[in-house]
Amino acid sequence: MKMEKSINYNSIWQSVDAVNYYCFLFVAASVGGWCMEVLFRSIVHHQLTIPGFLLGPYCPIYGMGMLLVMFLCDPKHKVTSYFKIVILTSLLEYVISFISENLFGRLLWDYSGLPLSIGTRVSLVFSLAWGLLGMGFLLLVEPRMSELYKKNRERSINLSVVFLIMICMDMIACVIMQLI
């Protein structure tokens, strides 16, 4: 007699909840990164400066960077994680900059005036700073975000879904406007 394998619904629920949590973190990092960048650029330029090419208050590159950090770095191995973050964020910046410039003719940032830069795309100074910010996220912010998510799971999921839809619609609209 052949035994049928039963479905482990707890495992499925845990997987779905993990995806929801990563979506929540992606949105939080995209919005938080946008706020941080508005503040930084506005101070540097002495006027309100809005980053990126999307219309809403989010920069998905920060969400993508955060997901890379979450999946590929371990808070227990701080030195290794720091260097991984430096390398991963540098690669992410290079790829996004290359795509933006070659596909849409848009220069999202310009590091050419900084020492030890790879053209406009990557700067050692910023790469080292991303390493510190990534470690701050990994060690300080993410544990608090996990607590917030657990306490407000339904609200966090709903907010994430709304923002993910907004980001997707915004990206589609911006790509269409660039192509017209």
N, C-alpha and C. Protein backbone atom coordinates (compact mmCIF):
# COMPACT_ATOMS: atom_id res chain seq x y z
N MET A 1 0.84 -1.17 0.00
CA MET A 1 0.00 0.00 0.00
C MET A 1 0.89 1.24 0.00
N LYS A 2 0.57 2.16 -0.88
CA LYS A 2 1.38 3.37 -1.02
C LYS A 2 0.84 4.47 -0.09
N MET A 3 1.71 5.04 0.72
CA MET A 3 1.30 6.10 1.64
C MET A 3 1.41 7.44 0.93
N GLU A 4 0.38 8.25 1.05
CA GLU A 4 0.42 9.59 0.47
C GLU A 4 1.10 10.53 1.45
N LYS A 5 1.90 11.41 0.91
CA LYS A 5 2.60 12.40 1.73
C LYS A 5 1.62 13.51 2.08
N SER A 6 1.52 13.81 3.34
CA SER A 6 0.59 14.88 3.75
C SER A 6 1.25 16.24 3.54
N ILE A 7 0.41 17.21 3.34
CA ILE A 7 0.88 18.59 3.13
C ILE A 7 1.17 19.21 4.48
N ASN A 8 2.32 19.82 4.60
CA ASN A 8 2.69 20.50 5.84
C ASN A 8 2.27 21.96 5.73
N TYR A 9 1.06 22.26 6.23
CA TYR A 9 0.52 23.62 6.12
C TYR A 9 1.31 24.62 6.97
N ASN A 10 1.89 24.16 8.06
CA ASN A 10 2.72 25.07 8.87
C ASN A 10 3.92 25.55 8.07
N SER A 11 4.52 24.64 7.32
CA SER A 11 5.67 25.00 6.49
C SER A 11 5.27 25.98 5.39
N ILE A 12 4.11 25.72 4.77
CA ILE A 12 3.62 26.63 3.73
C ILE A 12 3.35 28.00 4.33
N TRP A 13 2.68 28.05 5.48
CA TRP A 13 2.37 29.32 6.12
C TRP A 13 3.65 30.08 6.48
N GLN A 14 4.66 29.36 6.97
CA GLN A 14 5.92 30.00 7.31
C GLN A 14 6.58 30.59 6.07
N SER A 15 6.50 29.89 4.94
CA SER A 15 7.07 30.40 3.69
C SER A 15 6.34 31.65 3.22
N VAL A 16 5.02 31.62 3.27
CA VAL A 16 4.22 32.78 2.87
C VAL A 16 4.52 33.96 3.79
N ASP A 17 4.61 33.70 5.09
CA ASP A 17 4.90 34.78 6.03
C ASP A 17 6.29 35.35 5.80
N ALA A 18 7.26 34.50 5.45
CA ALA A 18 8.61 34.98 5.15
C ALA A 18 8.59 35.90 3.94
N VAL A 19 7.86 35.52 2.89
CA VAL A 19 7.75 36.37 1.70
C VAL A 19 7.10 37.70 2.08
N ASN A 20 6.03 37.65 2.88
CA ASN A 20 5.38 38.89 3.33
C ASN A 20 6.34 39.77 4.11
N TYR A 21 7.14 39.16 4.96
CA TYR A 21 8.11 39.93 5.75
C TYR A 21 9.16 40.58 4.86
N TYR A 22 9.67 39.84 3.88
CA TYR A 22 10.66 40.41 2.97
C TYR A 22 10.06 41.53 2.12
N CYS A 23 8.80 41.38 1.75
CA CYS A 23 8.12 42.48 1.03
C CYS A 23 8.00 43.71 1.93
N PHE A 24 7.66 43.48 3.18
CA PHE A 24 7.58 44.57 4.17
C PHE A 24 8.93 45.27 4.31
N LEU A 25 10.01 44.49 4.42
CA LEU A 25 11.34 45.08 4.53
C LEU A 25 11.74 45.83 3.26
N PHE A 26 11.41 45.26 2.10
CA PHE A 26 11.71 45.92 0.82
C PHE A 26 11.05 47.29 0.77
N VAL A 27 9.78 47.36 1.12
CA VAL A 27 9.05 48.63 1.10
C VAL A 27 9.64 49.59 2.12
N ALA A 28 9.88 49.11 3.34
CA ALA A 28 10.42 49.98 4.39
C ALA A 28 11.78 50.54 3.99
N ALA A 29 12.65 49.69 3.41
CA ALA A 29 13.97 50.16 2.99
C ALA A 29 13.88 51.10 1.80
N SER A 30 12.95 50.86 0.89
CA SER A 30 12.77 51.75 -0.27
C SER A 30 12.32 53.13 0.17
N VAL A 31 11.36 53.18 1.09
CA VAL A 31 10.86 54.46 1.60
C VAL A 31 11.91 55.12 2.50
N GLY A 32 12.50 54.34 3.40
CA GLY A 32 13.53 54.89 4.28
C GLY A 32 14.74 55.40 3.52
N GLY A 33 15.15 54.65 2.50
CA GLY A 33 16.28 55.08 1.66
C GLY A 33 15.96 56.36 0.92
N TRP A 34 14.72 56.47 0.42
CA TRP A 34 14.30 57.70 -0.27
C TRP A 34 14.39 58.89 0.68
N CYS A 35 13.89 58.73 1.91
CA CYS A 35 13.93 59.82 2.90
C CYS A 35 15.38 60.20 3.21
N MET A 36 16.22 59.20 3.42
CA MET A 36 17.63 59.44 3.72
C MET A 36 18.30 60.18 2.55
N GLU A 37 17.99 59.77 1.34
CA GLU A 37 18.61 60.38 0.17
C GLU A 37 18.10 61.80 -0.07
N VAL A 38 16.81 62.04 0.16
CA VAL A 38 16.28 63.41 0.05
C VAL A 38 17.02 64.31 1.02
N LEU A 39 17.17 63.86 2.25
CA LEU A 39 17.87 64.65 3.26
C LEU A 39 19.32 64.91 2.85
N PHE A 40 20.04 63.86 2.46
CA PHE A 40 21.44 63.99 2.07
C PHE A 40 21.61 64.93 0.88
N ARG A 41 20.86 64.67 -0.19
CA ARG A 41 21.00 65.50 -1.40
C ARG A 41 20.57 66.95 -1.15
N SER A 42 19.55 67.13 -0.35
CA SER A 42 19.09 68.50 -0.07
C SER A 42 20.13 69.28 0.73
N ILE A 43 20.80 68.61 1.65
CA ILE A 43 21.87 69.27 2.42
C ILE A 43 23.04 69.61 1.49
N VAL A 44 23.44 68.65 0.66
CA VAL A 44 24.57 68.87 -0.25
C VAL A 44 24.27 69.99 -1.26
N HIS A 45 23.06 70.02 -1.80
CA HIS A 45 22.70 71.01 -2.83
C HIS A 45 22.07 72.29 -2.26
N HIS A 46 21.89 72.36 -0.95
CA HIS A 46 21.31 73.53 -0.28
C HIS A 46 19.91 73.87 -0.81
N GLN A 47 19.19 72.85 -1.27
CA GLN A 47 17.79 73.01 -1.69
C GLN A 47 17.15 71.64 -1.73
N LEU A 48 15.83 71.61 -1.67
CA LEU A 48 15.14 70.34 -1.70
C LEU A 48 15.46 69.61 -3.01
N THR A 49 16.00 68.40 -2.91
CA THR A 49 16.38 67.60 -4.07
C THR A 49 15.76 66.22 -3.94
N ILE A 50 14.93 65.86 -4.92
CA ILE A 50 14.24 64.57 -4.91
C ILE A 50 15.05 63.58 -5.77
N PRO A 51 15.41 62.42 -5.20
CA PRO A 51 16.25 61.46 -5.92
C PRO A 51 15.45 60.54 -6.85
N GLY A 52 16.16 59.86 -7.71
CA GLY A 52 15.60 58.80 -8.52
C GLY A 52 14.79 59.28 -9.70
N PHE A 53 14.16 58.33 -10.36
CA PHE A 53 13.35 58.66 -11.53
C PHE A 53 11.88 58.32 -11.31
N LEU A 54 11.54 57.73 -10.18
CA LEU A 54 10.15 57.43 -9.88
C LEU A 54 9.48 58.64 -9.26
N LEU A 55 8.16 58.65 -9.30
CA LEU A 55 7.41 59.80 -8.83
C LEU A 55 7.10 59.74 -7.33
N GLY A 56 6.98 58.56 -6.78
CA GLY A 56 6.59 58.40 -5.38
C GLY A 56 7.76 58.47 -4.42
N PRO A 57 7.45 58.41 -3.12
CA PRO A 57 8.48 58.53 -2.08
C PRO A 57 9.16 57.20 -1.78
N TYR A 58 9.88 56.68 -2.77
CA TYR A 58 10.59 55.42 -2.59
C TYR A 58 11.69 55.30 -3.64
N CYS A 59 12.75 54.61 -3.27
CA CYS A 59 13.86 54.28 -4.17
C CYS A 59 14.08 52.77 -4.04
N PRO A 60 13.57 51.99 -5.01
CA PRO A 60 13.67 50.54 -4.90
C PRO A 60 15.09 49.99 -4.79
N ILE A 61 16.10 50.75 -5.20
CA ILE A 61 17.47 50.25 -5.08
C ILE A 61 17.82 49.99 -3.61
N TYR A 62 17.26 50.79 -2.71
CA TYR A 62 17.50 50.55 -1.28
C TYR A 62 16.83 49.26 -0.83
N GLY A 63 15.63 49.00 -1.34
CA GLY A 63 14.94 47.75 -1.02
C GLY A 63 15.70 46.55 -1.55
N MET A 64 16.21 46.67 -2.78
CA MET A 64 16.99 45.57 -3.36
C MET A 64 18.28 45.35 -2.57
N GLY A 65 18.95 46.44 -2.21
CA GLY A 65 20.18 46.33 -1.42
C GLY A 65 19.93 45.67 -0.08
N MET A 66 18.83 46.05 0.54
CA MET A 66 18.48 45.46 1.84
C MET A 66 18.21 43.97 1.70
N LEU A 67 17.52 43.57 0.64
CA LEU A 67 17.27 42.13 0.44
C LEU A 67 18.57 41.37 0.23
N LEU A 68 19.51 41.95 -0.53
CA LEU A 68 20.82 41.31 -0.70
C LEU A 68 21.50 41.13 0.65
N VAL A 69 21.46 42.17 1.46
CA VAL A 69 22.08 42.11 2.79
C VAL A 69 21.42 41.01 3.63
N MET A 70 20.08 40.98 3.61
CA MET A 70 19.36 40.00 4.43
C MET A 70 19.66 38.56 4.00
N PHE A 71 19.73 38.33 2.69
CA PHE A 71 19.91 36.97 2.20
C PHE A 71 21.37 36.51 2.23
N LEU A 72 22.32 37.43 2.11
CA LEU A 72 23.71 37.02 1.92
C LEU A 72 24.66 37.37 3.06
N CYS A 73 24.16 38.07 4.09
CA CYS A 73 25.04 38.47 5.19
C CYS A 73 24.51 37.93 6.51
N ASP A 74 25.44 37.64 7.39
CA ASP A 74 25.10 37.07 8.70
C ASP A 74 25.57 38.05 9.79
N PRO A 75 24.64 38.53 10.63
CA PRO A 75 25.03 39.48 11.67
C PRO A 75 26.05 38.92 12.66
N LYS A 76 26.19 37.60 12.72
CA LYS A 76 27.17 36.99 13.62
C LYS A 76 28.59 37.17 13.10
N HIS A 77 28.74 37.35 11.80
CA HIS A 77 30.07 37.51 11.18
C HIS A 77 30.20 38.95 10.68
N LYS A 78 30.47 39.85 11.60
CA LYS A 78 30.42 41.29 11.31
C LYS A 78 31.43 41.74 10.26
N VAL A 79 32.67 41.34 10.38
CA VAL A 79 33.70 41.80 9.44
C VAL A 79 33.43 41.27 8.05
N THR A 80 33.14 39.98 7.96
CA THR A 80 32.82 39.38 6.66
C THR A 80 31.58 40.04 6.06
N SER A 81 30.57 40.25 6.89
CA SER A 81 29.33 40.88 6.41
C SER A 81 29.59 42.29 5.91
N TYR A 82 30.42 43.05 6.62
CA TYR A 82 30.72 44.41 6.18
C TYR A 82 31.32 44.39 4.76
N PHE A 83 32.31 43.55 4.55
CA PHE A 83 32.95 43.51 3.22
C PHE A 83 31.99 42.97 2.15
N LYS A 84 31.15 42.01 2.52
CA LYS A 84 30.13 41.54 1.58
C LYS A 84 29.20 42.69 1.19
N ILE A 85 28.78 43.48 2.17
CA ILE A 85 27.87 44.60 1.91
C ILE A 85 28.54 45.61 0.99
N VAL A 86 29.80 45.92 1.25
CA VAL A 86 30.54 46.85 0.39
C VAL A 86 30.54 46.34 -1.06
N ILE A 87 30.85 45.09 -1.23
CA ILE A 87 30.92 44.50 -2.58
C ILE A 87 29.54 44.41 -3.22
N LEU A 88 28.56 43.89 -2.48
CA LEU A 88 27.22 43.72 -3.03
C LEU A 88 26.57 45.05 -3.43
N THR A 89 26.70 46.05 -2.56
CA THR A 89 26.09 47.34 -2.88
C THR A 89 26.81 48.03 -4.03
N SER A 90 28.11 47.83 -4.13
CA SER A 90 28.86 48.39 -5.26
C SER A 90 28.41 47.75 -6.57
N LEU A 91 28.25 46.43 -6.56
CA LEU A 91 27.76 45.73 -7.76
C LEU A 91 26.34 46.19 -8.11
N LEU A 92 25.50 46.31 -7.10
CA LEU A 92 24.13 46.77 -7.34
C LEU A 92 24.12 48.17 -7.93
N GLU A 93 24.90 49.08 -7.35
CA GLU A 93 24.98 50.44 -7.89
C GLU A 93 25.46 50.45 -9.33
N TYR A 94 26.49 49.66 -9.61
CA TYR A 94 27.04 49.62 -10.96
C TYR A 94 25.99 49.13 -11.96
N VAL A 95 25.33 48.02 -11.63
CA VAL A 95 24.34 47.42 -12.54
C VAL A 95 23.15 48.37 -12.76
N ILE A 96 22.61 48.93 -11.68
CA ILE A 96 21.46 49.84 -11.81
C ILE A 96 21.86 51.09 -12.60
N SER A 97 23.03 51.63 -12.33
CA SER A 97 23.50 52.81 -13.05
C SER A 97 23.68 52.50 -14.53
N PHE A 98 24.26 51.35 -14.84
CA PHE A 98 24.48 50.94 -16.23
C PHE A 98 23.15 50.80 -16.96
N ILE A 99 22.20 50.12 -16.34
CA ILE A 99 20.88 49.91 -16.96
C ILE A 99 20.18 51.24 -17.17
N SER A 100 20.18 52.08 -16.14
CA SER A 100 19.49 53.38 -16.24
C SER A 100 20.08 54.25 -17.34
N GLU A 101 21.40 54.29 -17.40
CA GLU A 101 22.06 55.13 -18.39
C GLU A 101 21.88 54.58 -19.81
N ASN A 102 22.03 53.26 -19.97
CA ASN A 102 21.98 52.68 -21.31
C ASN A 102 20.57 52.41 -21.82
N LEU A 103 19.64 52.16 -20.93
CA LEU A 103 18.28 51.88 -21.35
C LEU A 103 17.43 53.15 -21.45
N PHE A 104 17.64 54.07 -20.48
CA PHE A 104 16.78 55.25 -20.40
C PHE A 104 17.52 56.57 -20.61
N GLY A 105 18.85 56.51 -20.75
CA GLY A 105 19.61 57.74 -20.93
C GLY A 105 19.61 58.63 -19.70
N ARG A 106 19.42 58.04 -18.51
CA ARG A 106 19.36 58.80 -17.26
C ARG A 106 20.54 58.46 -16.37
N LEU A 107 21.19 59.49 -15.89
CA LEU A 107 22.28 59.35 -14.93
C LEU A 107 21.67 59.60 -13.55
N LEU A 108 21.53 58.55 -12.74
CA LEU A 108 20.87 58.68 -11.44
C LEU A 108 21.79 59.27 -10.37
N TRP A 109 23.08 59.08 -10.51
CA TRP A 109 24.08 59.67 -9.61
C TRP A 109 25.38 59.79 -10.39
N ASP A 110 26.27 60.62 -9.88
CA ASP A 110 27.52 60.87 -10.57
C ASP A 110 28.66 60.95 -9.56
N TYR A 111 29.49 59.92 -9.53
CA TYR A 111 30.62 59.86 -8.61
C TYR A 111 31.93 60.26 -9.28
N SER A 112 31.86 60.75 -10.52
CA SER A 112 33.08 61.00 -11.28
C SER A 112 34.01 62.02 -10.61
N GLY A 113 33.51 62.89 -9.77
CA GLY A 113 34.35 63.88 -9.11
C GLY A 113 35.02 63.36 -7.85
N LEU A 114 34.69 62.16 -7.44
CA LEU A 114 35.26 61.60 -6.22
C LEU A 114 36.46 60.72 -6.53
N PRO A 115 37.45 60.69 -5.63
CA PRO A 115 38.61 59.83 -5.86
C PRO A 115 38.22 58.35 -5.78
N LEU A 116 38.98 57.52 -6.46
CA LEU A 116 38.78 56.07 -6.46
C LEU A 116 37.37 55.67 -6.89
N SER A 117 36.89 56.32 -7.96
CA SER A 117 35.58 56.01 -8.51
C SER A 117 35.73 55.25 -9.81
N ILE A 118 34.71 54.46 -10.12
CA ILE A 118 34.64 53.81 -11.43
C ILE A 118 33.67 54.65 -12.24
N GLY A 119 34.22 55.63 -12.94
CA GLY A 119 33.39 56.56 -13.72
C GLY A 119 32.35 57.24 -12.85
N THR A 120 31.13 57.27 -13.34
CA THR A 120 30.04 57.89 -12.60
C THR A 120 29.34 56.89 -11.68
N ARG A 121 29.63 55.61 -11.85
CA ARG A 121 28.81 54.54 -11.29
C ARG A 121 29.08 54.16 -9.84
N VAL A 122 30.33 53.99 -9.46
CA VAL A 122 30.68 53.47 -8.13
C VAL A 122 31.82 54.29 -7.55
N SER A 123 31.72 54.57 -6.26
CA SER A 123 32.76 55.31 -5.55
C SER A 123 33.16 54.54 -4.31
N LEU A 124 34.47 54.42 -4.07
CA LEU A 124 34.94 53.73 -2.88
C LEU A 124 34.40 54.40 -1.62
N VAL A 125 34.36 55.73 -1.61
CA VAL A 125 33.86 56.46 -0.44
C VAL A 125 32.41 56.05 -0.14
N PHE A 126 31.57 56.05 -1.16
CA PHE A 126 30.17 55.67 -0.95
C PHE A 126 30.04 54.18 -0.67
N SER A 127 30.85 53.36 -1.31
CA SER A 127 30.80 51.92 -1.05
C SER A 127 31.09 51.61 0.42
N LEU A 128 32.09 52.29 0.97
CA LEU A 128 32.41 52.10 2.39
C LEU A 128 31.27 52.60 3.28
N ALA A 129 30.65 53.71 2.88
CA ALA A 129 29.50 54.24 3.62
C ALA A 129 28.32 53.27 3.55
N TRP A 130 28.08 52.68 2.35
CA TRP A 130 26.99 51.70 2.23
C TRP A 130 27.26 50.52 3.14
N GLY A 131 28.53 50.14 3.27
CA GLY A 131 28.89 49.05 4.18
C GLY A 131 28.47 49.36 5.61
N LEU A 132 28.76 50.58 6.05
CA LEU A 132 28.37 50.99 7.42
C LEU A 132 26.86 51.05 7.57
N LEU A 133 26.18 51.64 6.58
CA LEU A 133 24.72 51.72 6.65
C LEU A 133 24.10 50.32 6.62
N GLY A 134 24.65 49.45 5.79
CA GLY A 134 24.14 48.08 5.72
C GLY A 134 24.32 47.34 7.03
N MET A 135 25.46 47.54 7.68
CA MET A 135 25.68 46.90 8.98
C MET A 135 24.72 47.47 10.02
N GLY A 136 24.50 48.78 9.96
CA GLY A 136 23.52 49.39 10.87
C GLY A 136 22.14 48.78 10.67
N PHE A 137 21.79 48.57 9.41
CA PHE A 137 20.50 47.94 9.12
C PHE A 137 20.47 46.52 9.67
N LEU A 138 21.50 45.75 9.36
CA LEU A 138 21.55 44.34 9.74
C LEU A 138 21.52 44.16 11.26
N LEU A 139 22.27 44.98 11.98
CA LEU A 139 22.42 44.80 13.43
C LEU A 139 21.38 45.56 14.26
N LEU A 140 20.94 46.73 13.80
CA LEU A 140 20.07 47.57 14.62
C LEU A 140 18.64 47.69 14.09
N VAL A 141 18.50 47.94 12.81
CA VAL A 141 17.18 48.24 12.25
C VAL A 141 16.35 46.97 12.03
N GLU A 142 16.93 45.97 11.39
CA GLU A 142 16.17 44.77 11.05
C GLU A 142 15.57 44.07 12.27
N PRO A 143 16.29 43.91 13.38
CA PRO A 143 15.65 43.28 14.54
C PRO A 143 14.42 44.05 15.03
N ARG A 144 14.47 45.36 14.95
CA ARG A 144 13.31 46.17 15.37
C ARG A 144 12.17 46.07 14.35
N MET A 145 12.55 46.00 13.07
CA MET A 145 11.54 45.84 12.02
C MET A 145 10.85 44.48 12.18
N SER A 146 11.59 43.47 12.58
CA SER A 146 11.02 42.15 12.80
C SER A 146 9.99 42.20 13.93
N GLU A 147 10.32 42.88 15.01
CA GLU A 147 9.38 43.04 16.12
C GLU A 147 8.14 43.80 15.68
N LEU A 148 8.34 44.90 14.96
CA LEU A 148 7.22 45.70 14.46
C LEU A 148 6.32 44.85 13.57
N TYR A 149 6.91 44.08 12.68
CA TYR A 149 6.14 43.22 11.77
C TYR A 149 5.32 42.20 12.57
N LYS A 150 5.95 41.55 13.54
CA LYS A 150 5.25 40.53 14.32
C LYS A 150 4.08 41.12 15.11
N LYS A 151 4.26 42.31 15.64
CA LYS A 151 3.20 42.96 16.43
C LYS A 151 2.06 43.47 15.55
N ASN A 152 2.38 43.84 14.32
CA ASN A 152 1.39 44.44 13.41
C ASN A 152 1.37 43.72 12.07
N ARG A 153 1.35 42.39 12.10
CA ARG A 153 1.48 41.58 10.89
C ARG A 153 0.47 41.98 9.81
N GLU A 154 -0.80 42.03 10.13
CA GLU A 154 -1.83 42.31 9.12
C GLU A 154 -1.67 43.71 8.53
N ARG A 155 -1.47 44.70 9.39
CA ARG A 155 -1.26 46.07 8.91
C ARG A 155 0.00 46.19 8.06
N SER A 156 1.06 45.52 8.50
CA SER A 156 2.33 45.56 7.76
C SER A 156 2.17 44.95 6.37
N ILE A 157 1.46 43.84 6.29
CA ILE A 157 1.23 43.20 5.00
C ILE A 157 0.39 44.09 4.10
N ASN A 158 -0.69 44.64 4.64
CA ASN A 158 -1.57 45.51 3.84
C ASN A 158 -0.82 46.73 3.33
N LEU A 159 -0.04 47.36 4.18
CA LEU A 159 0.75 48.53 3.78
C LEU A 159 1.77 48.15 2.72
N SER A 160 2.41 47.00 2.89
CA SER A 160 3.39 46.54 1.90
C SER A 160 2.74 46.31 0.54
N VAL A 161 1.57 45.68 0.54
CA VAL A 161 0.87 45.41 -0.72
C VAL A 161 0.53 46.72 -1.43
N VAL A 162 0.01 47.69 -0.68
CA VAL A 162 -0.34 48.99 -1.27
C VAL A 162 0.91 49.64 -1.88
N PHE A 163 2.00 49.66 -1.14
CA PHE A 163 3.22 50.29 -1.64
C PHE A 163 3.82 49.52 -2.82
N LEU A 164 3.79 48.20 -2.76
CA LEU A 164 4.32 47.41 -3.89
C LEU A 164 3.52 47.68 -5.16
N ILE A 165 2.21 47.79 -5.03
CA ILE A 165 1.38 48.12 -6.20
C ILE A 165 1.73 49.52 -6.71
N MET A 166 1.89 50.48 -5.78
CA MET A 166 2.26 51.84 -6.18
C MET A 166 3.62 51.86 -6.88
N ILE A 167 4.58 51.15 -6.34
CA ILE A 167 5.92 51.12 -6.93
C ILE A 167 5.86 50.51 -8.33
N CYS A 168 5.14 49.40 -8.48
CA CYS A 168 5.03 48.75 -9.80
C CYS A 168 4.34 49.67 -10.81
N MET A 169 3.25 50.30 -10.41
CA MET A 169 2.54 51.21 -11.31
C MET A 169 3.43 52.40 -11.67
N ASP A 170 4.14 52.92 -10.69
CA ASP A 170 5.05 54.04 -10.90
C ASP A 170 6.15 53.65 -11.89
N MET A 171 6.74 52.47 -11.70
CA MET A 171 7.81 52.01 -12.61
C MET A 171 7.29 51.86 -14.03
N ILE A 172 6.12 51.26 -14.17
CA ILE A 172 5.54 51.09 -15.51
C ILE A 172 5.29 52.45 -16.15
N ALA A 173 4.70 53.37 -15.40
CA ALA A 173 4.42 54.71 -15.92
C ALA A 173 5.71 55.42 -16.32
N CYS A 174 6.75 55.33 -15.50
CA CYS A 174 8.01 56.01 -15.79
C CYS A 174 8.70 55.39 -17.01
N VAL A 175 8.64 54.07 -17.15
CA VAL A 175 9.24 53.43 -18.31
C VAL A 175 8.49 53.85 -19.57
N ILE A 176 7.17 53.88 -19.52
CA ILE A 176 6.37 54.31 -20.67
C ILE A 176 6.71 55.76 -21.03
N MET A 177 6.80 56.64 -20.01
CA MET A 177 7.12 58.05 -20.28
C MET A 177 8.51 58.20 -20.88
N GLN A 178 9.46 57.36 -20.47
CA GLN A 178 10.82 57.41 -21.02
C GLN A 178 10.85 56.96 -22.48
N LEU A 179 9.99 56.00 -22.81
CA LEU A 179 9.97 55.45 -24.16
C LEU A 179 9.21 56.32 -25.15
N ILE A 180 8.33 57.16 -24.65
CA ILE A 180 7.52 58.02 -25.55
C ILE A 180 8.33 59.19 -26.04
